[in-house]
PDB file of N, CA and C in Angstrom:
ATOM      1  N   MET A   1       1.136   2.944  39.506  1.00  0.00           N
ATOM      2  CA  MET A   1       0.980   2.854  38.072  1.00  0.00           C
ATOM      3  C   MET A   1       1.269   1.473  37.666  1.00  0.00           C
ATOM      4  N   SER A   2       0.378   0.861  36.961  1.00  0.00           N
ATOM      5  CA  SER A   2       0.620  -0.529  36.458  1.00  0.00           C
ATOM      6  C   SER A   2       1.417  -0.548  35.193  1.00  0.00           C
ATOM      7  N   ARG A   3       2.250  -1.508  35.190  1.00  0.00           N
ATOM      8  CA  ARG A   3       3.116  -1.676  33.991  1.00  0.00           C
ATOM      9  C   ARG A   3       2.508  -2.818  33.112  1.00  0.00           C
ATOM     10  N   ARG A   4       2.739  -2.686  31.782  1.00  0.00           N
ATOM     11  CA  ARG A   4       2.244  -3.655  30.907  1.00  0.00           C
ATOM     12  C   ARG A   4       3.161  -4.962  30.913  1.00  0.00           C
ATOM     13  N   THR A   5       2.583  -5.998  31.256  1.00  0.00           N
ATOM     14  CA  THR A   5       3.372  -7.323  31.462  1.00  0.00           C
ATOM     15  C   THR A   5       3.388  -8.104  30.149  1.00  0.00           C
ATOM     16  N   GLN A   6       2.643  -7.782  29.207  1.00  0.00           N
ATOM     17  CA  GLN A   6       2.548  -8.625  27.993  1.00  0.00           C
ATOM     18  C   GLN A   6       3.767  -8.075  27.168  1.00  0.00           C
ATOM     19  N   GLU A   7       4.234  -9.092  26.344  1.00  0.00           N
ATOM     20  CA  GLU A   7       5.483  -8.739  25.503  1.00  0.00           C
ATOM     21  C   GLU A   7       5.067  -8.137  24.080  1.00  0.00           C
ATOM     22  N   GLU A   8       3.773  -8.017  23.903  1.00  0.00           N
ATOM     23  CA  GLU A   8       3.257  -7.427  22.687  1.00  0.00           C
ATOM     24  C   GLU A   8       3.440  -5.883  22.687  1.00  0.00           C
ATOM     25  N   PRO A   9       3.981  -5.234  21.731  1.00  0.00           N
ATOM     26  CA  PRO A   9       4.110  -3.800  21.811  1.00  0.00           C
ATOM     27  C   PRO A   9       2.745  -3.165  21.555  1.00  0.00           C
ATOM     28  N   LEU A  10       2.653  -1.998  22.028  1.00  0.00           N
ATOM     29  CA  LEU A  10       1.392  -1.224  21.834  1.00  0.00           C
ATOM     30  C   LEU A  10       1.134  -0.912  20.483  1.00  0.00           C
ATOM     31  N   GLY A  11      -0.019  -1.174  19.916  1.00  0.00           N
ATOM     32  CA  GLY A  11      -0.339  -0.753  18.591  1.00  0.00           C
ATOM     33  C   GLY A  11      -0.984   0.573  18.438  1.00  0.00           C
ATOM     34  N   PRO A  12      -1.216   1.062  17.262  1.00  0.00           N
ATOM     35  CA  PRO A  12      -1.807   2.459  17.130  1.00  0.00           C
ATOM     36  C   PRO A  12      -3.141   2.501  17.874  1.00  0.00           C
ATOM     37  N   LYS A  13      -3.940   1.513  17.812  1.00  0.00           N
ATOM     38  CA  LYS A  13      -5.316   1.540  18.436  1.00  0.00           C
ATOM     39  C   LYS A  13      -5.113   1.678  19.985  1.00  0.00           C
ATOM     40  N   ASP A  14      -4.104   0.892  20.526  1.00  0.00           N
ATOM     41  CA  ASP A  14      -3.868   0.986  21.988  1.00  0.00           C
ATOM     42  C   ASP A  14      -3.411   2.360  22.446  1.00  0.00           C
ATOM     43  N   ARG A  15      -2.619   2.942  21.631  1.00  0.00           N
ATOM     44  CA  ARG A  15      -1.991   4.273  21.999  1.00  0.00           C
ATOM     45  C   ARG A  15      -3.129   5.388  21.908  1.00  0.00           C
ATOM     46  N   ILE A  16      -3.984   5.225  20.870  1.00  0.00           N
ATOM     47  CA  ILE A  16      -5.097   6.201  20.703  1.00  0.00           C
ATOM     48  C   ILE A  16      -6.039   6.097  21.912  1.00  0.00           C
ATOM     49  N   ALA A  17      -6.356   4.900  22.288  1.00  0.00           N
ATOM     50  CA  ALA A  17      -7.299   4.571  23.313  1.00  0.00           C
ATOM     51  C   ALA A  17      -6.725   5.087  24.651  1.00  0.00           C
ATOM     52  N   ALA A  18      -5.435   4.914  24.877  1.00  0.00           N
ATOM     53  CA  ALA A  18      -4.848   5.467  26.126  1.00  0.00           C
ATOM     54  C   ALA A  18      -4.863   6.934  26.167  1.00  0.00           C
ATOM     55  N   PHE A  19      -4.660   7.600  25.002  1.00  0.00           N
ATOM     56  CA  PHE A  19      -4.715   9.066  24.895  1.00  0.00           C
ATOM     57  C   PHE A  19      -6.099   9.532  25.143  1.00  0.00           C
ATOM     58  N   ALA A  20      -7.071   8.798  24.595  1.00  0.00           N
ATOM     59  CA  ALA A  20      -8.473   9.286  24.758  1.00  0.00           C
ATOM     60  C   ALA A  20      -8.835   9.227  26.247  1.00  0.00           C
ATOM     61  N   ARG A  21      -8.431   8.121  26.913  1.00  0.00           N
ATOM     62  CA  ARG A  21      -8.776   7.946  28.349  1.00  0.00           C
ATOM     63  C   ARG A  21      -8.087   9.072  29.146  1.00  0.00           C
ATOM     64  N   ALA A  22      -6.775   9.385  28.891  1.00  0.00           N
ATOM     65  CA  ALA A  22      -6.132  10.420  29.591  1.00  0.00           C
ATOM     66  C   ALA A  22      -6.795  11.763  29.282  1.00  0.00           C
ATOM     67  N   THR A  23      -7.275  11.980  28.126  1.00  0.00           N
ATOM     68  CA  THR A  23      -7.968  13.253  27.769  1.00  0.00           C
ATOM     69  C   THR A  23      -9.234  13.406  28.592  1.00  0.00           C
ATOM     70  N   GLU A  24      -9.973  12.310  28.753  1.00  0.00           N
ATOM     71  CA  GLU A  24     -11.227  12.284  29.537  1.00  0.00           C
ATOM     72  C   GLU A  24     -10.848  12.606  31.029  1.00  0.00           C
ATOM     73  N   VAL A  25      -9.827  12.038  31.570  1.00  0.00           N
ATOM     74  CA  VAL A  25      -9.424  12.247  32.925  1.00  0.00           C
ATOM     75  C   VAL A  25      -9.103  13.734  33.153  1.00  0.00           C
ATOM     76  N   TYR A  26      -8.401  14.288  32.165  1.00  0.00           N
ATOM     77  CA  TYR A  26      -7.961  15.714  32.246  1.00  0.00           C
ATOM     78  C   TYR A  26      -9.240  16.587  32.156  1.00  0.00           C
ATOM     79  N   ALA A  27     -10.166  16.265  31.269  1.00  0.00           N
ATOM     80  CA  ALA A  27     -11.331  17.076  31.184  1.00  0.00           C
ATOM     81  C   ALA A  27     -12.197  17.018  32.420  1.00  0.00           C
ATOM     82  N   GLU A  28     -12.186  15.882  33.066  1.00  0.00           N
ATOM     83  CA  GLU A  28     -12.987  15.824  34.369  1.00  0.00           C
ATOM     84  C   GLU A  28     -12.364  16.701  35.476  1.00  0.00           C
ATOM     85  N   SER A  29     -11.070  16.971  35.343  1.00  0.00           N
ATOM     86  CA  SER A  29     -10.384  17.746  36.326  1.00  0.00           C
ATOM     87  C   SER A  29     -10.486  19.265  36.103  1.00  0.00           C
ATOM     88  N   LEU A  30     -10.990  19.718  35.017  1.00  0.00           N
ATOM     89  CA  LEU A  30     -11.070  21.122  34.675  1.00  0.00           C
ATOM     90  C   LEU A  30     -12.258  21.734  35.295  1.00  0.00           C
ATOM     91  N   GLU A  31     -12.091  22.967  35.755  1.00  0.00           N
ATOM     92  CA  GLU A  31     -13.146  23.681  36.393  1.00  0.00           C
ATOM     93  C   GLU A  31     -14.106  24.420  35.394  1.00  0.00           C
ATOM     94  N   ASP A  32     -13.532  24.868  34.268  1.00  0.00           N
ATOM     95  CA  ASP A  32     -14.236  25.528  33.266  1.00  0.00           C
ATOM     96  C   ASP A  32     -15.022  24.516  32.417  1.00  0.00           C
ATOM     97  N   PRO A  33     -16.355  24.622  32.415  1.00  0.00           N
ATOM     98  CA  PRO A  33     -17.158  23.596  31.694  1.00  0.00           C
ATOM     99  C   PRO A  33     -16.971  23.736  30.188  1.00  0.00           C
ATOM    100  N   ASP A  34     -16.769  24.923  29.686  1.00  0.00           N
ATOM    101  CA  ASP A  34     -16.579  25.061  28.198  1.00  0.00           C
ATOM    102  C   ASP A  34     -15.289  24.395  27.799  1.00  0.00           C
ATOM    103  N   LEU A  35     -14.238  24.611  28.525  1.00  0.00           N
ATOM    104  CA  LEU A  35     -12.938  23.997  28.189  1.00  0.00           C
ATOM    105  C   LEU A  35     -13.001  22.468  28.437  1.00  0.00           C
ATOM    106  N   ALA A  36     -13.717  21.997  29.442  1.00  0.00           N
ATOM    107  CA  ALA A  36     -13.942  20.579  29.610  1.00  0.00           C
ATOM    108  C   ALA A  36     -14.707  19.985  28.434  1.00  0.00           C
ATOM    109  N   ASN A  37     -15.701  20.628  27.931  1.00  0.00           N
ATOM    110  CA  ASN A  37     -16.362  20.183  26.786  1.00  0.00           C
ATOM    111  C   ASN A  37     -15.491  20.039  25.557  1.00  0.00           C
ATOM    112  N   VAL A  38     -14.563  20.969  25.331  1.00  0.00           N
ATOM    113  CA  VAL A  38     -13.557  20.798  24.289  1.00  0.00           C
ATOM    114  C   VAL A  38     -12.762  19.597  24.395  1.00  0.00           C
ATOM    115  N   TYR A  39     -12.303  19.313  25.559  1.00  0.00           N
ATOM    116  CA  TYR A  39     -11.481  18.059  25.766  1.00  0.00           C
ATOM    117  C   TYR A  39     -12.320  16.820  25.682  1.00  0.00           C
ATOM    118  N   PHE A  40     -13.598  16.888  26.119  1.00  0.00           N
ATOM    119  CA  PHE A  40     -14.475  15.730  25.954  1.00  0.00           C
ATOM    120  C   PHE A  40     -14.724  15.436  24.480  1.00  0.00           C
ATOM    121  N   GLY A  41     -14.848  16.496  23.713  1.00  0.00           N
ATOM    122  CA  GLY A  41     -15.072  16.328  22.333  1.00  0.00           C
ATOM    123  C   GLY A  41     -13.814  15.801  21.631  1.00  0.00           C
ATOM    124  N   LYS A  42     -12.694  16.159  22.074  1.00  0.00           N
ATOM    125  CA  LYS A  42     -11.393  15.695  21.531  1.00  0.00           C
ATOM    126  C   LYS A  42     -11.287  14.107  21.920  1.00  0.00           C
ATOM    127  N   SER A  43     -11.781  13.769  23.117  1.00  0.00           N
ATOM    128  CA  SER A  43     -11.781  12.392  23.521  1.00  0.00           C
ATOM    129  C   SER A  43     -12.742  11.547  22.639  1.00  0.00           C
ATOM    130  N   LEU A  44     -13.817  12.067  22.346  1.00  0.00           N
ATOM    131  CA  LEU A  44     -14.819  11.359  21.425  1.00  0.00           C
ATOM    132  C   LEU A  44     -14.191  11.092  20.135  1.00  0.00           C
ATOM    133  N   GLY A  45     -13.538  12.039  19.571  1.00  0.00           N
ATOM    134  CA  GLY A  45     -12.846  11.849  18.269  1.00  0.00           C
ATOM    135  C   GLY A  45     -11.824  10.743  18.324  1.00  0.00           C
ATOM    136  N   LEU A  46     -11.021  10.836  19.475  1.00  0.00           N
ATOM    137  CA  LEU A  46      -9.956   9.757  19.522  1.00  0.00           C
ATOM    138  C   LEU A  46     -10.608   8.350  19.741  1.00  0.00           C
ATOM    139  N   TRP A  47     -11.754   8.315  20.498  1.00  0.00           N
ATOM    140  CA  TRP A  47     -12.437   7.024  20.669  1.00  0.00           C
ATOM    141  C   TRP A  47     -12.978   6.481  19.245  1.00  0.00           C
ATOM    142  N   GLN A  48     -13.433   7.421  18.464  1.00  0.00           N
ATOM    143  CA  GLN A  48     -13.886   7.100  17.122  1.00  0.00           C
ATOM    144  C   GLN A  48     -12.775   6.557  16.224  1.00  0.00           C
ATOM    145  N   ALA A  49     -11.607   7.242  16.362  1.00  0.00           N
ATOM    146  CA  ALA A  49     -10.397   6.695  15.636  1.00  0.00           C
ATOM    147  C   ALA A  49     -10.035   5.305  16.016  1.00  0.00           C
ATOM    148  N   ALA A  50     -10.072   5.065  17.363  1.00  0.00           N
ATOM    149  CA  ALA A  50      -9.814   3.730  17.823  1.00  0.00           C
ATOM    150  C   ALA A  50     -10.771   2.701  17.330  1.00  0.00           C
ATOM    151  N   ALA A  51     -12.031   3.072  17.215  1.00  0.00           N
ATOM    152  CA  ALA A  51     -13.072   2.175  16.731  1.00  0.00           C
ATOM    153  C   ALA A  51     -12.808   1.843  15.280  1.00  0.00           C
ATOM    154  N   ILE A  52     -12.427   2.850  14.560  1.00  0.00           N
ATOM    155  CA  ILE A  52     -12.140   2.660  13.091  1.00  0.00           C
ATOM    156  C   ILE A  52     -10.944   1.669  12.911  1.00  0.00           C
ATOM    157  N   LEU A  53      -9.921   1.955  13.767  1.00  0.00           N
ATOM    158  CA  LEU A  53      -8.761   1.027  13.611  1.00  0.00           C
ATOM    159  C   LEU A  53      -9.143  -0.414  14.101  1.00  0.00           C
ATOM    160  N   SER A  54     -10.002  -0.519  15.016  1.00  0.00           N
ATOM    161  CA  SER A  54     -10.409  -1.866  15.457  1.00  0.00           C
ATOM    162  C   SER A  54     -11.208  -2.551  14.231  1.00  0.00           C
ATOM    163  N   ALA A  55     -12.090  -1.796  13.588  1.00  0.00           N
ATOM    164  CA  ALA A  55     -12.793  -2.412  12.441  1.00  0.00           C
ATOM    165  C   ALA A  55     -11.850  -2.788  11.355  1.00  0.00           C
ATOM    166  N   GLU A  56     -10.837  -1.917  11.094  1.00  0.00           N
ATOM    167  CA  GLU A  56      -9.871  -2.297  10.040  1.00  0.00           C
ATOM    168  C   GLU A  56      -9.061  -3.416  10.375  1.00  0.00           C
ATOM    169  N   ASP A  57      -8.727  -3.576  11.683  1.00  0.00           N
ATOM    170  CA  ASP A  57      -8.001  -4.830  12.182  1.00  0.00           C
ATOM    171  C   ASP A  57      -8.794  -6.101  11.938  1.00  0.00           C
ATOM    172  N   GLN A  58     -10.072  -6.022  12.255  1.00  0.00           N
ATOM    173  CA  GLN A  58     -10.977  -7.130  12.151  1.00  0.00           C
ATOM    174  C   GLN A  58     -11.072  -7.522  10.693  1.00  0.00           C
ATOM    175  N   GLN A  59     -11.200  -6.554   9.878  1.00  0.00           N
ATOM    176  CA  GLN A  59     -11.406  -6.753   8.371  1.00  0.00           C
ATOM    177  C   GLN A  59     -10.094  -7.373   7.793  1.00  0.00           C
ATOM    178  N   ALA A  60      -8.929  -6.925   8.203  1.00  0.00           N
ATOM    179  CA  ALA A  60      -7.697  -7.469   7.716  1.00  0.00           C
ATOM    180  C   ALA A  60      -7.512  -8.913   8.153  1.00  0.00           C
ATOM    181  N   ALA A  61      -7.904  -9.152   9.391  1.00  0.00           N
ATOM    182  CA  ALA A  61      -7.824 -10.578   9.980  1.00  0.00           C
ATOM    183  C   ALA A  61      -8.704 -11.476   9.194  1.00  0.00           C
ATOM    184  N   SER A  62      -9.922 -11.059   8.807  1.00  0.00           N
ATOM    185  CA  SER A  62     -10.802 -11.992   8.155  1.00  0.00           C
ATOM    186  C   SER A  62     -10.326 -12.229   6.742  1.00  0.00           C
ATOM    187  N   LYS A  63      -9.712 -11.273   6.119  1.00  0.00           N
ATOM    188  CA  LYS A  63      -9.020 -11.405   4.767  1.00  0.00           C
ATOM    189  C   LYS A  63      -7.933 -12.443   4.865  1.00  0.00           C
ATOM    190  N   ARG A  64      -7.162 -12.400   5.882  1.00  0.00           N
ATOM    191  CA  ARG A  64      -5.986 -13.326   6.068  1.00  0.00           C
ATOM    192  C   ARG A  64      -6.518 -14.746   6.191  1.00  0.00           C
ATOM    193  N   LEU A  65      -7.707 -14.915   6.847  1.00  0.00           N
ATOM    194  CA  LEU A  65      -8.266 -16.226   7.154  1.00  0.00           C
ATOM    195  C   LEU A  65      -8.790 -16.796   5.833  1.00  0.00           C
ATOM    196  N   ARG A  66      -9.339 -15.980   4.939  1.00  0.00           N
ATOM    197  CA  ARG A  66      -9.981 -16.543   3.741  1.00  0.00           C
ATOM    198  C   ARG A  66      -8.916 -16.795   2.653  1.00  0.00           C
ATOM    199  N   GLY A  67      -7.749 -16.267   2.809  1.00  0.00           N
ATOM    200  CA  GLY A  67      -6.680 -16.534   1.786  1.00  0.00           C
ATOM    201  C   GLY A  67      -6.621 -15.471   0.696  1.00  0.00           C
ATOM    202  N   PRO A  68      -5.844 -15.698  -0.271  1.00  0.00           N
ATOM    203  CA  PRO A  68      -5.710 -14.676  -1.280  1.00  0.00           C
ATOM    204  C   PRO A  68      -6.980 -14.623  -2.225  1.00  0.00           C
ATOM    205  N   SER A  69      -7.030 -13.489  -2.821  1.00  0.00           N
ATOM    206  CA  SER A  69      -8.242 -13.289  -3.722  1.00  0.00           C
ATOM    207  C   SER A  69      -7.974 -14.059  -4.962  1.00  0.00           C
ATOM    208  N   PRO A  70      -9.003 -14.597  -5.578  1.00  0.00           N
ATOM    209  CA  PRO A  70      -8.818 -15.368  -6.793  1.00  0.00           C
ATOM    210  C   PRO A  70      -8.339 -14.490  -7.984  1.00  0.00           C
ATOM    211  N   THR A  71      -8.486 -13.206  -7.923  1.00  0.00           N
ATOM    212  CA  THR A  71      -8.009 -12.348  -8.976  1.00  0.00           C
ATOM    213  C   THR A  71      -6.541 -12.006  -8.768  1.00  0.00           C
ATOM    214  N   CYS A  72      -5.942 -12.314  -7.652  1.00  0.00           N
ATOM    215  CA  CYS A  72      -4.547 -11.979  -7.406  1.00  0.00           C
ATOM    216  C   CYS A  72      -3.629 -12.842  -8.247  1.00  0.00           C
ATOM    217  N   GLY A  73      -2.437 -12.473  -8.417  1.00  0.00           N
ATOM    218  CA  GLY A  73      -1.505 -13.265  -9.063  1.00  0.00           C
ATOM    219  C   GLY A  73      -1.237 -12.708 -10.519  1.00  0.00           C
ATOM    220  N   SER A  74      -0.391 -13.497 -11.219  1.00  0.00           N
ATOM    221  CA  SER A  74       0.006 -13.091 -12.550  1.00  0.00           C
ATOM    222  C   SER A  74      -1.039 -13.270 -13.595  1.00  0.00           C
ATOM    223  N   ARG A  75      -1.299 -12.381 -14.416  1.00  0.00           N
ATOM    224  CA  ARG A  75      -2.256 -12.553 -15.489  1.00  0.00           C
ATOM    225  C   ARG A  75      -1.552 -12.616 -16.833  1.00  0.00           C
ATOM    226  N   ARG A  76      -0.183 -12.631 -16.778  1.00  0.00           N
ATOM    227  CA  ARG A  76       0.569 -12.689 -18.017  1.00  0.00           C
ATOM    228  C   ARG A  76       0.185 -13.893 -18.847  1.00  0.00           C
ATOM    229  N   ALA A  77      -0.099 -15.058 -18.259  1.00  0.00           N
ATOM    230  CA  ALA A  77      -0.456 -16.246 -19.042  1.00  0.00           C
ATOM    231  C   ALA A  77      -1.876 -15.975 -19.755  1.00  0.00           C
ATOM    232  N   ASP A  78      -2.759 -15.311 -19.032  1.00  0.00           N
ATOM    233  CA  ASP A  78      -4.057 -15.009 -19.679  1.00  0.00           C
ATOM    234  C   ASP A  78      -3.894 -14.108 -20.854  1.00  0.00           C
ATOM    235  N   ARG A  79      -3.071 -13.206 -20.794  1.00  0.00           N
ATOM    236  CA  ARG A  79      -2.816 -12.232 -21.835  1.00  0.00           C
ATOM    237  C   ARG A  79      -2.168 -12.837 -23.094  1.00  0.00           C
ATOM    238  N   ALA A  80      -1.265 -13.821 -22.787  1.00  0.00           N
ATOM    239  CA  ALA A  80      -0.515 -14.468 -23.818  1.00  0.00           C
ATOM    240  C   ALA A  80      -1.391 -15.503 -24.627  1.00  0.00           C
ATOM    241  N   SER A  81      -2.404 -16.034 -23.885  1.00  0.00           N
ATOM    242  CA  SER A  81      -3.204 -17.013 -24.504  1.00  0.00           C
ATOM    243  C   SER A  81      -4.318 -16.422 -25.395  1.00  0.00           C
ATOM    244  N   ARG A  82      -4.618 -15.142 -25.103  1.00  0.00           N
ATOM    245  CA  ARG A  82      -5.691 -14.481 -25.963  1.00  0.00           C
ATOM    246  C   ARG A  82      -5.181 -14.308 -27.429  1.00  0.00           C
ATOM    247  N   SER A  83      -6.097 -14.385 -28.344  1.00  0.00           N
ATOM    248  CA  SER A  83      -5.680 -14.067 -29.720  1.00  0.00           C
ATOM    249  C   SER A  83      -5.892 -12.621 -29.998  1.00  0.00           C
ATOM    250  N   VAL A  84      -4.963 -12.019 -30.657  1.00  0.00           N
ATOM    251  CA  VAL A  84      -5.069 -10.574 -30.887  1.00  0.00           C
ATOM    252  C   VAL A  84      -5.755 -10.368 -32.200  1.00  0.00           C
ATOM    253  N   GLN A  85      -6.903  -9.586 -32.172  1.00  0.00           N
ATOM    254  CA  GLN A  85      -7.617  -9.317 -33.345  1.00  0.00           C
ATOM    255  C   GLN A  85      -7.552  -7.820 -33.537  1.00  0.00           C
ATOM    256  N   PRO A  86      -7.171  -7.377 -34.773  1.00  0.00           N
ATOM    257  CA  PRO A  86      -7.124  -5.959 -34.992  1.00  0.00           C
ATOM    258  C   PRO A  86      -8.467  -5.343 -35.021  1.00  0.00           C
ATOM    259  N   VAL A  87      -8.516  -4.114 -34.592  1.00  0.00           N
ATOM    260  CA  VAL A  87      -9.839  -3.382 -34.554  1.00  0.00           C
ATOM    261  C   VAL A  87      -9.742  -2.501 -35.781  1.00  0.00           C
ATOM    262  N   ALA A  88     -10.813  -2.618 -36.620  1.00  0.00           N
ATOM    263  CA  ALA A  88     -10.946  -1.766 -37.797  1.00  0.00           C
ATOM    264  C   ALA A  88     -11.435  -0.363 -37.442  1.00  0.00           C
ATOM    265  N   SER A  89     -10.955   0.625 -38.070  1.00  0.00           N
ATOM    266  CA  SER A  89     -11.456   1.983 -37.852  1.00  0.00           C
ATOM    267  C   SER A  89     -12.828   2.161 -38.442  1.00  0.00           C
ATOM    268  N   PRO A  90     -13.637   3.082 -38.015  1.00  0.00           N
ATOM    269  CA  PRO A  90     -14.982   3.318 -38.628  1.00  0.00           C
ATOM    270  C   PRO A  90     -14.836   3.741 -40.091  1.00  0.00           C
ATOM    271  N   ALA A  91     -13.813   4.440 -40.363  1.00  0.00           N
ATOM    272  CA  ALA A  91     -13.674   4.880 -41.782  1.00  0.00           C
ATOM    273  C   ALA A  91     -13.358   3.747 -42.763  1.00  0.00           C
ATOM    274  N   ALA A  92     -12.704   2.669 -42.181  1.00  0.00           N
ATOM    275  CA  ALA A  92     -12.354   1.574 -43.106  1.00  0.00           C
ATOM    276  C   ALA A  92     -13.545   0.665 -43.233  1.00  0.00           C
ATOM    277  N   ALA A  93     -14.480   0.723 -42.315  1.00  0.00           N
ATOM    278  CA  ALA A  93     -15.691  -0.098 -42.440  1.00  0.00           C
ATOM    279  C   ALA A  93     -16.769   0.488 -43.182  1.00  0.00           C
ATOM    280  N   ALA A  94     -16.761   1.731 -43.438  1.00  0.00           N
ATOM    281  CA  ALA A  94     -17.755   2.403 -44.287  1.00  0.00           C
ATOM    282  C   ALA A  94     -17.502   2.144 -45.713  1.00  0.00           C
ATOM    283  N   PRO A  95     -18.437   1.533 -46.423  1.00  0.00           N
ATOM    284  CA  PRO A  95     -18.294   1.336 -47.839  1.00  0.00           C
ATOM    285  C   PRO A  95     -18.399   2.587 -48.724  1.00  0.00           C
ATOM    286  N   GLY A  96     -17.709   2.705 -49.803  1.00  0.00           N
ATOM    287  CA  GLY A  96     -17.801   3.802 -50.687  1.00  0.00           C
ATOM    288  C   GLY A  96     -17.150   5.119 -50.338  1.00  0.00           C
ATOM    289  N   ARG A  97     -16.293   5.107 -49.441  1.00  0.00           N
ATOM    290  CA  ARG A  97     -15.662   6.258 -49.056  1.00  0.00           C
ATOM    291  C   ARG A  97     -14.209   6.303 -49.586  1.00  0.00           C
TER     292      ARG A  97
END
Protein backbone atom coordinates (compact mmCIF):
# COMPACT_ATOMS: atom_id res chain seq x y z
CA MET A 1 0.00 0.00 0.00
CA SER A 2 1.44 3.36 -0.95
CA ARG A 3 1.60 6.18 1.55
CA ARG A 4 0.99 9.79 0.69
CA THR A 5 4.33 11.61 0.77
CA GLN A 6 3.02 15.11 0.24
CA GLU A 7 2.45 17.28 3.27
CA GLU A 8 -0.87 18.59 1.94
CA PRO A 9 -3.88 17.16 3.75
CA LEU A 10 -6.49 15.35 1.72
CA GLY A 11 -9.31 17.64 0.71
CA PRO A 12 -12.96 16.71 0.27
CA LYS A 13 -12.47 16.11 -3.45
CA ASP A 14 -9.58 13.71 -2.81
CA ARG A 15 -11.51 11.76 -0.19
CA ILE A 16 -14.57 11.44 -2.44
CA ALA A 17 -12.42 10.29 -5.37
CA ALA A 18 -10.70 7.68 -3.19
CA PHE A 19 -14.06 6.39 -1.96
CA ALA A 20 -15.40 6.27 -5.53
CA ARG A 21 -12.39 4.22 -6.65
CA ALA A 22 -12.76 1.85 -3.69
CA THR A 23 -16.46 1.44 -4.52
CA GLU A 24 -15.57 0.52 -8.11
CA VAL A 25 -13.04 -2.07 -6.94
CA TYR A 26 -15.63 -3.55 -4.60
CA ALA A 27 -18.27 -3.63 -7.35
CA GLU A 28 -15.87 -5.49 -9.64
CA SER A 29 -15.40 -8.16 -6.97
CA LEU A 30 -19.12 -8.90 -6.60
CA GLU A 31 -20.61 -11.94 -8.26
CA ASP A 32 -24.20 -10.64 -8.31
CA PRO A 33 -24.49 -8.35 -11.37
CA ASP A 34 -27.48 -6.48 -9.95
CA LEU A 35 -25.64 -5.66 -6.74
CA ALA A 36 -22.55 -4.72 -8.73
CA ASN A 37 -24.66 -2.30 -10.78
CA VAL A 38 -25.86 -0.65 -7.56
CA TYR A 39 -22.28 -0.06 -6.44
CA PHE A 40 -21.20 1.14 -9.88
CA GLY A 41 -24.08 3.62 -9.76
CA LYS A 42 -22.95 4.77 -6.36
CA SER A 43 -19.44 5.19 -7.74
CA LEU A 44 -20.72 7.32 -10.63
CA GLY A 45 -22.49 9.60 -8.17
CA LEU A 46 -19.31 9.98 -6.16
CA TRP A 47 -17.29 10.79 -9.28
CA GLN A 48 -19.88 13.42 -10.17
CA ALA A 49 -19.54 14.97 -6.69
CA ALA A 50 -15.75 15.07 -7.13
CA ALA A 51 -16.18 16.78 -10.52
CA ILE A 52 -18.48 19.39 -8.99
CA LEU A 53 -15.98 20.10 -6.23
CA SER A 54 -13.21 20.43 -8.83
CA ALA A 55 -15.24 22.98 -10.76
CA GLU A 56 -15.94 24.92 -7.56
CA ASP A 57 -12.24 24.88 -6.68
CA GLN A 58 -11.33 26.24 -10.11
CA GLN A 59 -14.01 28.92 -9.90
CA ALA A 60 -12.84 30.00 -6.44
CA ALA A 61 -9.22 30.12 -7.63
CA SER A 62 -10.12 32.32 -10.59
CA LYS A 63 -11.99 34.72 -8.30
CA ARG A 64 -8.94 34.98 -6.04
CA LEU A 65 -6.75 35.84 -9.03
CA ARG A 66 -9.07 38.60 -10.21
CA GLY A 67 -9.26 40.29 -6.82
CA PRO A 68 -12.23 41.65 -4.94
CA SER A 69 -15.42 42.54 -6.69
CA PRO A 70 -15.91 46.28 -7.36
CA THR A 71 -19.22 46.13 -5.49
CA CYS A 72 -17.59 44.82 -2.32
CA GLY A 73 -16.77 47.10 0.54
CA SER A 74 -18.56 49.72 2.51
CA ARG A 75 -21.39 51.60 0.90
CA ARG A 76 -21.93 53.82 3.92
CA ALA A 77 -20.19 56.74 2.19
CA ASP A 78 -22.49 56.37 -0.83
CA ARG A 79 -25.57 56.43 1.34
CA ALA A 80 -24.41 59.45 3.31
CA SER A 81 -23.68 61.47 0.17
CA ARG A 82 -27.13 60.98 -1.34
CA SER A 83 -29.66 63.69 -0.75
CA VAL A 84 -32.81 62.48 0.91
CA GLN A 85 -35.99 63.51 -0.87
CA PRO A 86 -39.36 62.84 0.71
CA VAL A 87 -41.76 60.79 -1.33
CA ALA A 88 -45.24 62.27 -1.57
CA SER A 89 -48.19 59.96 -1.15
CA PRO A 90 -50.63 59.65 -4.08
CA ALA A 91 -53.39 61.24 -1.96
CA ALA A 92 -51.28 64.34 -1.34
CA ALA A 93 -50.47 64.67 -5.04
CA ALA A 94 -54.15 64.53 -6.17
CA PRO A 95 -55.65 68.05 -6.38
CA GLY A 96 -59.06 68.78 -4.96
CA ARG A 97 -59.32 66.05 -2.43
